[in-house]
N, C-alpha and C. Protein backbone atom coordinates (compact mmCIF):
# COMPACT_ATOMS: atom_id res chain seq x y z
N UNK A 1 0.83 -1.17 0.00
CA UNK A 1 0.00 0.00 0.00
C UNK A 1 0.88 1.24 0.00
N UNK A 2 0.36 2.29 -0.61
CA UNK A 2 1.10 3.54 -0.69
C UNK A 2 0.57 4.55 0.31
N UNK A 3 1.50 5.25 0.96
CA UNK A 3 1.12 6.29 1.90
C UNK A 3 0.87 7.57 1.13
N UNK A 4 -0.29 8.17 1.32
CA UNK A 4 -0.69 9.37 0.59
C UNK A 4 -0.92 10.50 1.59
N UNK A 5 -0.13 11.59 1.47
CA UNK A 5 -0.32 12.78 2.31
C UNK A 5 -1.41 13.61 1.65
N UNK A 6 -2.45 13.93 2.40
CA UNK A 6 -3.60 14.54 1.77
C UNK A 6 -4.51 15.24 2.77
N UNK A 7 -5.42 16.01 2.23
CA UNK A 7 -6.56 16.49 3.00
C UNK A 7 -7.49 15.28 3.06
N UNK A 8 -7.72 14.76 4.23
CA UNK A 8 -8.45 13.50 4.35
C UNK A 8 -9.91 13.63 3.97
N UNK A 9 -10.50 14.80 4.23
CA UNK A 9 -11.91 15.04 3.91
C UNK A 9 -12.05 16.38 3.21
N UNK A 10 -13.07 16.49 2.38
CA UNK A 10 -13.44 17.81 1.88
C UNK A 10 -13.92 18.62 3.08
N UNK A 11 -14.04 19.93 2.91
CA UNK A 11 -14.54 20.75 4.01
C UNK A 11 -15.89 20.20 4.44
N UNK A 12 -16.00 19.91 5.73
CA UNK A 12 -17.21 19.34 6.29
C UNK A 12 -17.82 20.35 7.24
N UNK A 13 -19.07 20.74 6.99
CA UNK A 13 -19.75 21.72 7.82
C UNK A 13 -20.75 21.01 8.73
N UNK A 14 -20.69 21.35 10.03
CA UNK A 14 -21.59 20.76 11.01
C UNK A 14 -22.35 21.87 11.69
N UNK A 15 -23.66 21.77 11.69
CA UNK A 15 -24.52 22.77 12.32
C UNK A 15 -24.91 22.29 13.70
N UNK A 16 -24.76 23.18 14.70
CA UNK A 16 -25.04 22.82 16.10
C UNK A 16 -26.51 22.94 16.39
N UNK A 17 -26.97 22.36 17.35
CA UNK A 17 -26.35 21.47 18.34
C UNK A 17 -26.44 20.04 17.79
N UNK A 18 -25.25 19.42 17.56
CA UNK A 18 -25.27 18.06 17.03
C UNK A 18 -23.91 17.40 17.19
N UNK A 19 -23.94 16.08 17.09
CA UNK A 19 -22.74 15.27 17.08
C UNK A 19 -22.78 14.46 15.79
N UNK A 20 -21.68 14.51 15.03
CA UNK A 20 -21.66 13.88 13.72
C UNK A 20 -20.35 13.11 13.54
N UNK A 21 -20.45 11.92 13.02
CA UNK A 21 -19.25 11.18 12.62
C UNK A 21 -18.84 11.66 11.25
N UNK A 22 -17.60 12.16 11.12
CA UNK A 22 -17.19 12.71 9.83
C UNK A 22 -16.20 11.81 9.09
N UNK A 23 -15.59 10.86 9.78
CA UNK A 23 -14.62 9.97 9.13
C UNK A 23 -14.64 8.62 9.83
N UNK A 24 -14.81 7.57 9.05
CA UNK A 24 -14.69 6.20 9.56
C UNK A 24 -13.71 5.46 8.67
N UNK A 25 -12.62 5.00 9.25
CA UNK A 25 -11.58 4.31 8.48
C UNK A 25 -12.15 3.00 7.95
N UNK A 26 -11.91 2.75 6.67
CA UNK A 26 -12.42 1.56 6.02
C UNK A 26 -13.81 1.74 5.44
N UNK A 27 -14.41 2.93 5.64
CA UNK A 27 -15.75 3.20 5.14
C UNK A 27 -15.80 4.51 4.35
N UNK A 28 -15.23 5.58 4.90
CA UNK A 28 -15.33 6.91 4.32
C UNK A 28 -14.36 7.09 3.16
N UNK A 29 -14.86 7.60 2.04
CA UNK A 29 -14.05 7.95 0.88
C UNK A 29 -13.22 9.19 1.23
N UNK A 30 -11.92 9.14 1.04
CA UNK A 30 -11.07 10.30 1.33
C UNK A 30 -11.19 11.34 0.22
N UNK A 31 -10.76 12.57 0.51
CA UNK A 31 -10.87 13.69 -0.42
C UNK A 31 -10.05 13.44 -1.68
N UNK A 32 -10.48 14.05 -2.77
CA UNK A 32 -9.72 14.00 -4.01
C UNK A 32 -9.73 12.65 -4.69
N UNK A 33 -10.66 11.78 -4.32
CA UNK A 33 -10.75 10.48 -4.97
C UNK A 33 -9.59 9.55 -4.67
N UNK A 34 -8.91 9.77 -3.54
CA UNK A 34 -7.76 8.94 -3.18
C UNK A 34 -8.19 7.50 -2.92
N UNK A 35 -9.34 7.31 -2.33
CA UNK A 35 -9.84 5.96 -2.05
C UNK A 35 -10.29 5.83 -0.62
N UNK A 36 -10.62 4.60 -0.24
CA UNK A 36 -11.03 4.31 1.12
C UNK A 36 -9.81 3.81 1.87
N UNK A 37 -9.53 4.46 2.98
CA UNK A 37 -8.30 4.18 3.73
C UNK A 37 -8.39 2.90 4.54
N UNK A 38 -7.26 2.19 4.62
CA UNK A 38 -7.17 1.04 5.51
C UNK A 38 -6.57 1.47 6.85
N UNK A 39 -5.69 2.47 6.82
CA UNK A 39 -5.13 3.08 8.02
C UNK A 39 -5.04 4.58 7.74
N UNK A 40 -5.39 5.38 8.74
CA UNK A 40 -5.36 6.84 8.59
C UNK A 40 -4.56 7.43 9.72
N UNK A 41 -3.78 8.44 9.38
CA UNK A 41 -2.95 9.15 10.34
C UNK A 41 -3.40 10.60 10.37
N UNK A 42 -4.15 11.00 11.39
CA UNK A 42 -4.66 12.37 11.48
C UNK A 42 -3.57 13.25 12.08
N UNK A 43 -3.16 14.26 11.32
CA UNK A 43 -2.12 15.18 11.78
C UNK A 43 -2.72 16.45 12.37
N UNK A 44 -3.74 17.01 11.71
CA UNK A 44 -4.36 18.21 12.26
C UNK A 44 -5.80 18.35 11.81
N UNK A 45 -6.55 19.14 12.57
CA UNK A 45 -7.93 19.45 12.25
C UNK A 45 -8.08 20.97 12.36
N UNK A 46 -8.52 21.59 11.28
CA UNK A 46 -8.76 23.03 11.26
C UNK A 46 -10.26 23.24 11.43
N UNK A 47 -10.64 24.18 12.31
CA UNK A 47 -12.05 24.44 12.61
C UNK A 47 -12.34 25.93 12.48
N UNK A 48 -13.42 26.27 11.79
CA UNK A 48 -13.81 27.68 11.62
C UNK A 48 -15.29 27.82 11.93
N UNK A 49 -15.62 28.75 12.84
CA UNK A 49 -17.01 29.02 13.23
C UNK A 49 -17.58 30.07 12.29
N UNK A 50 -18.51 29.68 11.44
CA UNK A 50 -19.15 30.62 10.51
C UNK A 50 -20.42 31.22 11.10
N UNK A 51 -20.79 30.81 12.31
CA UNK A 51 -22.03 31.26 12.94
C UNK A 51 -21.92 32.64 13.55
N UNK A 52 -23.02 33.08 14.18
CA UNK A 52 -23.09 34.41 14.78
C UNK A 52 -22.83 34.39 16.28
N UNK A 53 -22.71 33.22 16.88
CA UNK A 53 -22.44 33.10 18.31
C UNK A 53 -21.31 32.12 18.56
N UNK A 54 -20.78 32.15 19.76
CA UNK A 54 -19.72 31.23 20.16
C UNK A 54 -20.25 29.80 20.18
N UNK A 55 -19.44 28.87 19.70
CA UNK A 55 -19.81 27.46 19.70
C UNK A 55 -18.74 26.66 20.43
N UNK A 56 -19.16 25.68 21.20
CA UNK A 56 -18.23 24.75 21.85
C UNK A 56 -18.06 23.56 20.91
N UNK A 57 -16.81 23.27 20.58
CA UNK A 57 -16.50 22.20 19.64
C UNK A 57 -15.68 21.13 20.35
N UNK A 58 -16.06 19.88 20.14
CA UNK A 58 -15.31 18.75 20.70
C UNK A 58 -14.97 17.78 19.59
N UNK A 59 -13.81 17.13 19.72
CA UNK A 59 -13.37 16.10 18.79
C UNK A 59 -13.21 14.79 19.55
N UNK A 60 -13.62 13.69 18.91
CA UNK A 60 -13.58 12.37 19.53
C UNK A 60 -12.97 11.36 18.57
N UNK A 61 -12.17 10.44 19.07
CA UNK A 61 -11.75 9.27 18.31
C UNK A 61 -12.40 8.07 18.98
N UNK A 62 -13.24 7.40 18.22
CA UNK A 62 -13.99 6.26 18.74
C UNK A 62 -13.40 4.97 18.17
N UNK A 63 -12.83 4.12 19.00
CA UNK A 63 -12.21 2.89 18.50
C UNK A 63 -13.25 1.87 18.04
N UNK A 64 -13.05 1.36 16.80
CA UNK A 64 -13.88 0.29 16.24
C UNK A 64 -15.36 0.49 16.53
N UNK A 65 -15.88 1.65 16.10
CA UNK A 65 -17.23 2.05 16.47
C UNK A 65 -18.13 2.26 15.27
N UNK A 66 -19.31 1.69 15.34
CA UNK A 66 -20.38 1.97 14.39
C UNK A 66 -21.67 2.02 15.20
N UNK A 67 -22.51 3.04 15.12
CA UNK A 67 -22.37 4.22 14.27
C UNK A 67 -21.34 5.19 14.84
N UNK A 68 -20.98 6.19 14.05
CA UNK A 68 -19.93 7.12 14.45
C UNK A 68 -20.47 8.40 15.06
N UNK A 69 -21.76 8.61 15.06
CA UNK A 69 -22.33 9.87 15.58
C UNK A 69 -22.59 9.77 17.08
N UNK A 70 -21.53 9.45 17.81
CA UNK A 70 -21.64 9.35 19.26
C UNK A 70 -20.59 10.24 19.91
N UNK A 71 -20.83 10.61 21.14
CA UNK A 71 -19.90 11.45 21.88
C UNK A 71 -19.64 10.81 23.24
N UNK A 72 -18.64 9.96 23.31
CA UNK A 72 -18.28 9.31 24.55
C UNK A 72 -17.16 10.12 25.18
N UNK A 73 -17.42 10.69 26.35
CA UNK A 73 -16.47 11.59 26.98
C UNK A 73 -15.07 10.99 27.10
N UNK A 74 -14.98 9.71 27.37
CA UNK A 74 -13.66 9.09 27.51
C UNK A 74 -12.89 9.04 26.19
N UNK A 75 -13.56 9.27 25.07
CA UNK A 75 -12.90 9.27 23.76
C UNK A 75 -12.61 10.68 23.25
N UNK A 76 -12.98 11.69 24.04
CA UNK A 76 -12.77 13.08 23.62
C UNK A 76 -11.30 13.46 23.80
N UNK A 77 -10.74 14.15 22.78
CA UNK A 77 -9.37 14.62 22.90
C UNK A 77 -9.23 16.12 22.72
N UNK A 78 -10.34 16.81 22.42
CA UNK A 78 -10.30 18.26 22.32
C UNK A 78 -11.67 18.82 22.64
N UNK A 79 -11.67 19.91 23.39
CA UNK A 79 -12.90 20.67 23.66
C UNK A 79 -12.49 22.12 23.73
N UNK A 80 -13.06 22.95 22.85
CA UNK A 80 -12.67 24.35 22.75
C UNK A 80 -13.88 25.19 22.36
N UNK A 81 -13.96 26.41 22.91
CA UNK A 81 -14.98 27.36 22.50
C UNK A 81 -14.41 28.22 21.39
N UNK A 82 -15.17 28.34 20.29
CA UNK A 82 -14.72 29.10 19.14
C UNK A 82 -15.69 30.26 18.92
N UNK A 83 -15.16 31.49 18.96
CA UNK A 83 -15.97 32.70 18.76
C UNK A 83 -16.40 32.78 17.30
N UNK A 84 -17.43 33.60 17.02
CA UNK A 84 -17.87 33.77 15.63
C UNK A 84 -16.73 34.26 14.74
N UNK A 85 -16.67 33.73 13.53
CA UNK A 85 -15.67 34.10 12.53
C UNK A 85 -14.24 33.83 12.97
N UNK A 86 -14.06 32.95 13.95
CA UNK A 86 -12.73 32.60 14.43
C UNK A 86 -12.34 31.23 13.90
N UNK A 87 -11.05 31.08 13.60
CA UNK A 87 -10.49 29.81 13.16
C UNK A 87 -9.50 29.33 14.21
N UNK A 88 -9.55 28.06 14.51
CA UNK A 88 -8.58 27.47 15.42
C UNK A 88 -8.21 26.10 14.87
N UNK A 89 -7.18 25.50 15.42
CA UNK A 89 -6.81 24.18 14.95
C UNK A 89 -6.23 23.33 16.06
N UNK A 90 -6.32 22.04 15.83
CA UNK A 90 -5.69 21.05 16.69
C UNK A 90 -4.58 20.41 15.86
N UNK A 91 -3.38 20.35 16.40
CA UNK A 91 -2.29 19.69 15.70
C UNK A 91 -1.56 18.78 16.69
N UNK A 92 -1.44 17.53 16.31
CA UNK A 92 -0.79 16.54 17.15
C UNK A 92 0.70 16.48 16.80
N UNK A 93 1.55 16.36 17.82
CA UNK A 93 2.98 16.24 17.55
C UNK A 93 3.30 14.89 16.92
N UNK A 94 2.47 13.91 17.18
CA UNK A 94 2.58 12.61 16.54
C UNK A 94 1.19 12.28 16.00
N UNK A 95 1.08 11.82 14.77
CA UNK A 95 -0.25 11.58 14.19
C UNK A 95 -1.10 10.61 15.02
N UNK A 96 -2.38 10.85 15.02
CA UNK A 96 -3.34 9.94 15.64
C UNK A 96 -3.58 8.81 14.65
N UNK A 97 -3.22 7.60 15.02
CA UNK A 97 -3.33 6.45 14.13
C UNK A 97 -4.71 5.83 14.30
N UNK A 98 -5.43 5.74 13.18
CA UNK A 98 -6.77 5.17 13.18
C UNK A 98 -6.79 3.99 12.21
N UNK A 99 -7.35 2.85 12.67
CA UNK A 99 -7.43 1.66 11.82
C UNK A 99 -8.90 1.30 11.59
N UNK A 100 -9.11 0.15 10.97
CA UNK A 100 -10.44 -0.27 10.51
C UNK A 100 -11.56 0.01 11.52
N UNK A 101 -12.54 0.79 11.06
CA UNK A 101 -13.74 1.19 11.79
C UNK A 101 -13.50 2.12 12.97
N UNK A 102 -12.28 2.62 13.16
CA UNK A 102 -12.09 3.73 14.10
C UNK A 102 -12.73 4.95 13.44
N UNK A 103 -13.33 5.82 14.24
CA UNK A 103 -14.03 6.96 13.66
C UNK A 103 -13.66 8.26 14.35
N UNK A 104 -13.75 9.33 13.59
CA UNK A 104 -13.56 10.68 14.09
C UNK A 104 -14.93 11.34 14.12
N UNK A 105 -15.35 11.75 15.31
CA UNK A 105 -16.64 12.43 15.48
C UNK A 105 -16.41 13.84 15.97
N UNK A 106 -17.30 14.75 15.58
CA UNK A 106 -17.24 16.13 16.03
C UNK A 106 -18.56 16.49 16.68
N UNK A 107 -18.48 17.36 17.67
CA UNK A 107 -19.67 17.82 18.38
C UNK A 107 -19.66 19.34 18.39
N UNK A 108 -20.77 19.94 18.03
CA UNK A 108 -20.95 21.39 18.10
C UNK A 108 -22.09 21.65 19.07
N UNK A 109 -21.79 22.43 20.10
CA UNK A 109 -22.79 22.66 21.14
C UNK A 109 -22.71 24.06 21.71
N UNK A 110 -23.40 24.23 22.81
CA UNK A 110 -23.47 25.53 23.48
C UNK A 110 -22.30 25.73 24.42
N UNK A 111 -21.68 26.92 24.39
CA UNK A 111 -20.62 27.23 25.36
C UNK A 111 -21.24 27.61 26.69
N UNK A 112 -20.39 27.79 27.71
CA UNK A 112 -20.90 28.24 29.01
C UNK A 112 -21.49 29.63 28.94
N UNK A 113 -20.91 30.50 28.08
CA UNK A 113 -21.46 31.85 27.90
C UNK A 113 -21.12 32.35 26.51
N UNK A 114 -21.93 33.28 26.00
CA UNK A 114 -21.65 33.90 24.72
C UNK A 114 -22.33 33.29 23.52
N UNK A 115 -23.20 32.32 23.73
CA UNK A 115 -23.90 31.71 22.60
C UNK A 115 -24.74 30.53 23.06
N UNK A 116 -25.64 30.11 22.19
CA UNK A 116 -26.52 28.98 22.50
C UNK A 116 -26.09 27.71 21.77
N UNK A 117 -25.24 27.88 20.75
CA UNK A 117 -24.83 26.73 19.93
C UNK A 117 -25.84 26.44 18.83
N UNK A 118 -27.09 26.84 19.03
CA UNK A 118 -28.15 26.59 18.04
C UNK A 118 -27.85 27.41 16.80
N UNK A 119 -27.83 26.75 15.67
CA UNK A 119 -27.58 27.43 14.41
C UNK A 119 -26.11 27.70 14.14
N UNK A 120 -25.24 27.37 15.09
CA UNK A 120 -23.81 27.53 14.84
C UNK A 120 -23.40 26.59 13.72
N UNK A 121 -22.57 27.08 12.83
CA UNK A 121 -22.05 26.23 11.76
C UNK A 121 -20.53 26.28 11.83
N UNK A 122 -19.93 25.12 12.00
CA UNK A 122 -18.48 25.03 12.10
C UNK A 122 -17.98 24.17 10.94
N UNK A 123 -16.99 24.71 10.22
CA UNK A 123 -16.36 23.98 9.12
C UNK A 123 -15.13 23.27 9.65
N UNK A 124 -14.95 22.02 9.22
CA UNK A 124 -13.82 21.19 9.63
C UNK A 124 -13.01 20.77 8.40
N UNK A 125 -11.68 20.87 8.51
CA UNK A 125 -10.78 20.31 7.52
C UNK A 125 -9.85 19.37 8.28
N UNK A 126 -9.78 18.13 7.83
CA UNK A 126 -8.96 17.11 8.48
C UNK A 126 -7.81 16.75 7.53
N UNK A 127 -6.58 16.94 8.01
CA UNK A 127 -5.40 16.66 7.21
C UNK A 127 -4.58 15.54 7.82
N UNK A 128 -3.90 14.79 6.96
CA UNK A 128 -3.04 13.73 7.46
C UNK A 128 -2.58 12.84 6.32
N UNK A 129 -2.28 11.61 6.67
CA UNK A 129 -1.81 10.62 5.71
C UNK A 129 -2.76 9.44 5.72
N UNK A 130 -2.76 8.71 4.61
CA UNK A 130 -3.62 7.54 4.54
C UNK A 130 -2.97 6.45 3.71
N UNK A 131 -3.20 5.21 4.10
CA UNK A 131 -2.80 4.05 3.30
C UNK A 131 -4.01 3.64 2.49
N UNK A 132 -3.86 3.59 1.18
CA UNK A 132 -4.97 3.15 0.32
C UNK A 132 -4.48 2.07 -0.64
């Protein structure tokens, strides 16, 4: 298999309040027609809040999980409040290795203050490497 450095997904927009599985290894087609990955190495996730209020965003890696639209606190690795029109990112010093049926889920919700999360739209770009 060949290792392909790529944007793993096209820009994915998630409207709050919701939890959505955006990538499942062995199931999800990667961006640019690269193929379906057997192993994925997530290097970074870029997040941009296009909404009018602050949104709380969480990222989860769920091991060997179907369905992927779940938010198990023990699988969460990032939780951040993003102000309107703000971009932030998560970057791992070592890639997060995901294998067959591991999934990446995102949650958009209400922050403690400054917004309700309702109607918030957050765009996600997931970059890394993949074996196809």
